C-alpha atoms as a PDB file:
ATOM      1  CA  MET A   1      -0.112 203.521  14.914  1.00  0.00           C
ATOM      2  CA  THR A   2       2.790 205.055  16.881  1.00  0.00           C
ATOM      3  CA  GLN A   3       2.821 208.845  16.496  1.00  0.00           C
ATOM      4  CA  ASN A   4       4.443 209.891  19.806  1.00  0.00           C
ATOM      5  CA  ARG A   5       7.950 210.129  18.375  1.00  0.00           C
ATOM      6  CA  ASN A   6       9.518 211.777  15.366  1.00  0.00           C
ATOM      7  CA  LEU A   7      10.566 209.263  12.750  1.00  0.00           C
ATOM      8  CA  LEU A   8      11.316 210.077   9.123  1.00  0.00           C
ATOM      9  CA  ILE A   9      11.132 207.136   6.719  1.00  0.00           C
ATOM     10  CA  ALA A  10      11.948 207.211   2.998  1.00  0.00           C
ATOM     11  CA  ILE A  11      10.178 205.118   0.374  1.00  0.00           C
ATOM     12  CA  THR A  12      12.157 204.584  -2.804  1.00  0.00           C
ATOM     13  CA  GLY A  13      12.558 202.222  -5.736  1.00  0.00           C
ATOM     14  CA  GLY A  14      12.926 202.251  -9.491  1.00  0.00           C
ATOM     15  CA  ILE A  15      10.372 203.464 -12.000  1.00  0.00           C
ATOM     16  CA  GLY A  16       7.286 201.243 -11.952  1.00  0.00           C
ATOM     17  CA  SER A  17       8.275 199.448  -8.744  1.00  0.00           C
ATOM     18  CA  GLY A  18       5.135 200.428  -6.829  1.00  0.00           C
ATOM     19  CA  LYS A  19       6.368 203.292  -4.616  1.00  0.00           C
ATOM     20  CA  SER A  20       3.151 205.248  -5.104  1.00  0.00           C
ATOM     21  CA  THR A  21       1.034 202.204  -4.275  1.00  0.00           C
ATOM     22  CA  VAL A  22       3.003 201.719  -1.038  1.00  0.00           C
ATOM     23  CA  SER A  23       2.510 205.430  -0.275  1.00  0.00           C
ATOM     24  CA  LYS A  24      -1.252 205.115  -0.847  1.00  0.00           C
ATOM     25  CA  ILE A  25      -1.412 202.074   1.452  1.00  0.00           C
ATOM     26  CA  LEU A  26       0.397 204.074   4.160  1.00  0.00           C
ATOM     27  CA  LYS A  27      -1.984 207.046   3.705  1.00  0.00           C
ATOM     28  CA  ASP A  28      -4.953 204.679   3.941  1.00  0.00           C
ATOM     29  CA  LEU A  29      -3.496 203.427   7.244  1.00  0.00           C
ATOM     30  CA  GLY A  30      -3.506 207.028   8.517  1.00  0.00           C
ATOM     31  CA  TYR A  31       0.168 207.943   8.101  1.00  0.00           C
ATOM     32  CA  THR A  32       1.467 211.246   6.759  1.00  0.00           C
ATOM     33  CA  VAL A  33       3.170 210.765   3.398  1.00  0.00           C
ATOM     34  CA  TYR A  34       4.824 213.506   1.345  1.00  0.00           C
ATOM     35  CA  SER A  35       5.980 212.915  -2.202  1.00  0.00           C
ATOM     36  CA  ALA A  36       9.042 214.414  -3.902  1.00  0.00           C
ATOM     37  CA  ASP A  37       7.045 214.482  -7.166  1.00  0.00           C
ATOM     38  CA  GLU A  38       4.190 216.444  -5.549  1.00  0.00           C
ATOM     39  CA  THR A  39       6.699 218.806  -3.928  1.00  0.00           C
ATOM     40  CA  TYR A  40       8.315 219.326  -7.355  1.00  0.00           C
ATOM     41  CA  ALA A  41       4.885 220.189  -8.815  1.00  0.00           C
ATOM     42  CA  GLU A  42       4.338 222.724  -6.007  1.00  0.00           C
ATOM     43  CA  LEU A  43       7.727 224.343  -6.703  1.00  0.00           C
ATOM     44  CA  LEU A  44       6.872 224.728 -10.402  1.00  0.00           C
ATOM     45  CA  VAL A  45       4.559 227.652  -9.567  1.00  0.00           C
ATOM     46  CA  CYS A  46       7.722 229.658  -8.847  1.00  0.00           C
ATOM     47  CA  ASN A  47       8.980 231.330 -12.048  1.00  0.00           C
ATOM     48  CA  GLU A  48      12.537 231.524 -10.737  1.00  0.00           C
ATOM     49  CA  PHE A  49      12.612 227.730 -10.211  1.00  0.00           C
ATOM     50  CA  VAL A  50      11.204 227.135 -13.721  1.00  0.00           C
ATOM     51  CA  ASN A  51      13.736 229.533 -15.269  1.00  0.00           C
ATOM     52  CA  ASP A  52      16.570 227.732 -13.434  1.00  0.00           C
ATOM     53  CA  ILE A  53      15.395 224.423 -14.958  1.00  0.00           C
ATOM     54  CA  HIS A  54      15.251 225.860 -18.493  1.00  0.00           C
ATOM     55  CA  ARG A  55      18.728 227.376 -18.127  1.00  0.00           C
ATOM     56  CA  ALA A  56      20.208 224.151 -16.689  1.00  0.00           C
ATOM     57  CA  VAL A  57      19.132 222.048 -19.664  1.00  0.00           C
ATOM     58  CA  GLY A  58      19.605 224.716 -22.337  1.00  0.00           C
ATOM     59  CA  VAL A  59      15.941 225.111 -23.284  1.00  0.00           C
ATOM     60  CA  THR A  60      14.373 228.313 -24.567  1.00  0.00           C
ATOM     61  CA  PRO A  61      10.746 227.980 -23.452  1.00  0.00           C
ATOM     62  CA  LYS A  62       7.976 228.321 -26.042  1.00  0.00           C
ATOM     63  CA  CYS A  63       5.306 228.925 -23.427  1.00  0.00           C
ATOM     64  CA  SER A  64       4.887 230.333 -19.937  1.00  0.00           C
ATOM     65  CA  GLY A  65       5.589 227.829 -17.200  1.00  0.00           C
ATOM     66  CA  LEU A  66       7.736 224.742 -17.600  1.00  0.00           C
ATOM     67  CA  ASP A  67       8.196 223.546 -21.182  1.00  0.00           C
ATOM     68  CA  ARG A  68       7.884 219.886 -20.141  1.00  0.00           C
ATOM     69  CA  LYS A  69       8.204 218.450 -23.630  1.00  0.00           C
ATOM     70  CA  ALA A  70      11.412 220.359 -24.426  1.00  0.00           C
ATOM     71  CA  VAL A  71      12.938 219.613 -20.993  1.00  0.00           C
ATOM     72  CA  SER A  72      12.096 215.876 -21.237  1.00  0.00           C
ATOM     73  CA  SER A  73      13.468 215.704 -24.752  1.00  0.00           C
ATOM     74  CA  ALA A  74      16.694 217.422 -23.672  1.00  0.00           C
ATOM     75  CA  VAL A  75      17.377 215.320 -20.564  1.00  0.00           C
ATOM     76  CA  PHE A  76      16.487 211.881 -21.918  1.00  0.00           C
ATOM     77  CA  SER A  77      18.923 212.308 -24.802  1.00  0.00           C
ATOM     78  CA  SER A  78      21.789 213.720 -22.734  1.00  0.00           C
ATOM     79  CA  PRO A  79      23.190 212.347 -19.450  1.00  0.00           C
ATOM     80  CA  GLU A  80      24.965 215.698 -18.901  1.00  0.00           C
ATOM     81  CA  LYS A  81      21.694 217.647 -19.149  1.00  0.00           C
ATOM     82  CA  LEU A  82      19.923 215.154 -16.880  1.00  0.00           C
ATOM     83  CA  LYS A  83      22.712 215.647 -14.330  1.00  0.00           C
ATOM     84  CA  ALA A  84      22.373 219.453 -14.658  1.00  0.00           C
ATOM     85  CA  LEU A  85      18.595 219.209 -14.170  1.00  0.00           C
ATOM     86  CA  ASN A  86      19.016 217.042 -11.073  1.00  0.00           C
ATOM     87  CA  GLU A  87      21.606 219.424  -9.604  1.00  0.00           C
ATOM     88  CA  VAL A  88      19.137 222.313  -9.925  1.00  0.00           C
ATOM     89  CA  THR A  89      15.960 220.542  -8.805  1.00  0.00           C
ATOM     90  CA  HIS A  90      16.902 217.905  -6.209  1.00  0.00           C
ATOM     91  CA  PRO A  91      18.374 220.143  -3.480  1.00  0.00           C
ATOM     92  CA  LYS A  92      15.338 222.465  -3.611  1.00  0.00           C
ATOM     93  CA  ILE A  93      12.844 219.582  -3.636  1.00  0.00           C
ATOM     94  CA  MET A  94      14.576 217.853  -0.711  1.00  0.00           C
ATOM     95  CA  LYS A  95      14.849 221.073   1.307  1.00  0.00           C
ATOM     96  CA  GLU A  96      11.091 221.647   0.899  1.00  0.00           C
ATOM     97  CA  LEU A  97      10.230 217.986   1.565  1.00  0.00           C
ATOM     98  CA  LEU A  98      12.291 217.841   4.766  1.00  0.00           C
ATOM     99  CA  LYS A  99      10.863 221.167   5.956  1.00  0.00           C
ATOM    100  CA  LYS A 100       7.274 219.879   5.497  1.00  0.00           C
ATOM    101  CA  SER A 101       8.108 216.636   7.340  1.00  0.00           C
ATOM    102  CA  SER A 102       9.958 218.072  10.323  1.00  0.00           C
ATOM    103  CA  GLY A 103       8.617 217.346  13.814  1.00  0.00           C
ATOM    104  CA  LYS A 104       5.353 215.734  12.745  1.00  0.00           C
ATOM    105  CA  GLY A 105       5.657 212.274  14.319  1.00  0.00           C
ATOM    106  CA  VAL A 106       6.019 209.297  12.003  1.00  0.00           C
ATOM    107  CA  VAL A 107       6.298 210.691   8.464  1.00  0.00           C
ATOM    108  CA  PHE A 108       7.032 208.956   5.169  1.00  0.00           C
ATOM    109  CA  ASN A 109       8.650 210.603   2.135  1.00  0.00           C
ATOM    110  CA  GLU A 110       8.356 209.074  -1.325  1.00  0.00           C
ATOM    111  CA  VAL A 111      11.741 209.904  -2.885  1.00  0.00           C
ATOM    112  CA  PRO A 112      12.439 208.296  -6.292  1.00  0.00           C
ATOM    113  CA  LEU A 113      16.094 209.400  -6.539  1.00  0.00           C
ATOM    114  CA  LEU A 114      17.062 208.910  -2.902  1.00  0.00           C
ATOM    115  CA  PHE A 115      20.334 207.044  -3.450  1.00  0.00           C
ATOM    116  CA  GLU A 116      21.369 208.963  -6.569  1.00  0.00           C
ATOM    117  CA  GLY A 117      21.266 212.193  -4.546  1.00  0.00           C
ATOM    118  CA  GLY A 118      22.818 210.732  -1.389  1.00  0.00           C
ATOM    119  CA  TYR A 119      19.720 211.732   0.608  1.00  0.00           C
ATOM    120  CA  GLU A 120      19.341 208.517   2.627  1.00  0.00           C
ATOM    121  CA  LYS A 121      21.398 210.199   5.390  1.00  0.00           C
ATOM    122  CA  TYR A 122      18.360 212.346   6.298  1.00  0.00           C
ATOM    123  CA  TYR A 123      16.167 209.332   7.126  1.00  0.00           C
ATOM    124  CA  ASN A 124      15.811 207.059  10.146  1.00  0.00           C
ATOM    125  CA  ALA A 125      14.860 204.163   7.860  1.00  0.00           C
ATOM    126  CA  VAL A 126      14.572 203.439   4.137  1.00  0.00           C
ATOM    127  CA  ILE A 127      11.964 201.205   2.512  1.00  0.00           C
ATOM    128  CA  VAL A 128      12.997 200.033  -0.946  1.00  0.00           C
ATOM    129  CA  VAL A 129      10.222 198.744  -3.216  1.00  0.00           C
ATOM    130  CA  VAL A 130      11.441 196.245  -5.811  1.00  0.00           C
ATOM    131  CA  ARG A 131       9.503 194.526  -8.583  1.00  0.00           C
ATOM    132  CA  PRO A 132      10.433 192.156 -11.434  1.00  0.00           C
ATOM    133  CA  GLU A 133      11.677 194.254 -14.376  1.00  0.00           C
ATOM    134  CA  GLN A 134       9.177 192.936 -16.941  1.00  0.00           C
ATOM    135  CA  GLU A 135       6.277 193.900 -14.654  1.00  0.00           C
ATOM    136  CA  ARG A 136       7.807 197.360 -14.161  1.00  0.00           C
ATOM    137  CA  ILE A 137       8.167 197.864 -17.917  1.00  0.00           C
ATOM    138  CA  LYS A 138       4.572 196.803 -18.568  1.00  0.00           C
ATOM    139  CA  ALA A 139       3.153 198.972 -15.745  1.00  0.00           C
ATOM    140  CA  VAL A 140       5.016 202.134 -16.806  1.00  0.00           C
ATOM    141  CA  SER A 141       4.224 201.611 -20.491  1.00  0.00           C
ATOM    142  CA  VAL A 142       0.499 201.341 -19.714  1.00  0.00           C
ATOM    143  CA  ARG A 143       0.506 204.173 -17.136  1.00  0.00           C
ATOM    144  CA  SER A 144       2.542 206.680 -19.155  1.00  0.00           C
ATOM    145  CA  GLY A 145       1.632 205.691 -22.716  1.00  0.00           C
ATOM    146  CA  ILE A 146       5.266 205.230 -23.745  1.00  0.00           C
ATOM    147  CA  THR A 147       6.887 202.300 -25.529  1.00  0.00           C
ATOM    148  CA  GLU A 148       8.518 199.424 -23.684  1.00  0.00           C
ATOM    149  CA  GLU A 149      11.828 200.480 -25.274  1.00  0.00           C
ATOM    150  CA  GLU A 150      11.508 203.980 -23.753  1.00  0.00           C
ATOM    151  CA  VAL A 151      10.788 202.445 -20.347  1.00  0.00           C
ATOM    152  CA  LYS A 152      13.857 200.168 -20.668  1.00  0.00           C
ATOM    153  CA  ASN A 153      16.008 203.228 -21.432  1.00  0.00           C
ATOM    154  CA  ARG A 154      14.713 205.003 -18.324  1.00  0.00           C
ATOM    155  CA  ILE A 155      15.378 201.937 -16.175  1.00  0.00           C
ATOM    156  CA  LYS A 156      18.888 201.683 -17.617  1.00  0.00           C
ATOM    157  CA  ASN A 157      19.598 205.279 -16.510  1.00  0.00           C
ATOM    158  CA  GLN A 158      18.420 204.685 -12.945  1.00  0.00           C
ATOM    159  CA  PHE A 159      20.110 203.424  -9.808  1.00  0.00           C
ATOM    160  CA  ASP A 160      20.606 199.638  -9.838  1.00  0.00           C
ATOM    161  CA  TYR A 161      18.563 198.448  -6.846  1.00  0.00           C
ATOM    162  CA  GLU A 162      19.844 194.892  -7.342  1.00  0.00           C
ATOM    163  CA  LYS A 163      23.250 196.074  -6.048  1.00  0.00           C
ATOM    164  CA  LEU A 164      21.748 197.637  -2.930  1.00  0.00           C
ATOM    165  CA  ASN A 165      22.879 196.540   0.538  1.00  0.00           C
ATOM    166  CA  LYS A 166      19.806 194.530   1.483  1.00  0.00           C
ATOM    167  CA  VAL A 167      20.846 194.256   5.137  1.00  0.00           C
ATOM    168  CA  LYS A 168      21.013 198.035   5.626  1.00  0.00           C
ATOM    169  CA  HIS A 169      17.544 198.790   4.201  1.00  0.00           C
ATOM    170  CA  THR A 170      14.047 197.314   4.405  1.00  0.00           C
ATOM    171  CA  ILE A 171      13.042 195.670   1.120  1.00  0.00           C
ATOM    172  CA  ILE A 172       9.449 195.131  -0.012  1.00  0.00           C
ATOM    173  CA  VAL A 173       9.085 192.832  -3.010  1.00  0.00           C
ATOM    174  CA  ASN A 174       6.054 193.889  -5.058  1.00  0.00           C
ATOM    175  CA  ASP A 175       5.369 190.689  -6.996  1.00  0.00           C
ATOM    176  CA  SER A 176       1.698 189.951  -6.479  1.00  0.00           C
ATOM    177  CA  SER A 177      -1.631 191.719  -5.763  1.00  0.00           C
ATOM    178  CA  VAL A 178      -2.230 195.059  -4.036  1.00  0.00           C
ATOM    179  CA  GLU A 179      -3.716 193.097  -1.107  1.00  0.00           C
ATOM    180  CA  SER A 180      -0.493 191.104  -0.796  1.00  0.00           C
ATOM    181  CA  LEU A 181       1.536 194.319  -0.993  1.00  0.00           C
ATOM    182  CA  ALA A 182      -0.607 195.869   1.779  1.00  0.00           C
ATOM    183  CA  LYS A 183       0.161 192.893   4.063  1.00  0.00           C
ATOM    184  CA  LYS A 184       3.879 193.307   3.349  1.00  0.00           C
ATOM    185  CA  VAL A 185       3.652 197.026   4.168  1.00  0.00           C
ATOM    186  CA  GLU A 186       1.937 196.281   7.497  1.00  0.00           C
ATOM    187  CA  SER A 187       4.595 193.692   8.318  1.00  0.00           C
ATOM    188  CA  VAL A 188       7.365 196.209   7.545  1.00  0.00           C
ATOM    189  CA  LEU A 189       5.654 198.830   9.730  1.00  0.00           C
ATOM    190  CA  ASN A 190       5.706 196.429  12.684  1.00  0.00           C
ATOM    191  CA  GLU A 191       9.415 195.860  12.028  1.00  0.00           C
ATOM    192  CA  ILE A 192      10.343 199.559  11.746  1.00  0.00           C
ATOM    193  CA  LEU A 193       8.039 201.005  14.405  1.00  0.00           C
END
């Protein structure tokens, strides 16, 4: 494991692609991995941040803290509200994520909306995890307890990774077992590092 230089590497991919599994493999190998989702959860302890989210999507909270149900309902039925939510949350999440990662050797950031936000410019390399759509739908449906139709709608609203410049970024195809995925991750590490 090469830790004597600073290298910031993003991990991204669509919902259900296996980003978190790749992150876990990297952690198990001893690498530092920070997640945008975990950073978001940490920011939610700040009332000002929560109030900004409610205002952005036009939600009057029924409880203290983030009214997750009302926010989810608002953004998944309105592209404009989803855009407003992203404009409020993404810059703060990325600022915090980059601050945590700065100057710590080889660091990985799991960033689901990397390309949508134009954040790839902050990274030395980008690993894109792709997976056959039917497997993604099944995995998310089981994991989140939502219908396959709801998963399809979420996929439809995400960045189209099929159109990605495959020469510019490192692609990991998650189409088999976790063991197979771990071997692919190790191979990619040798390539990048």
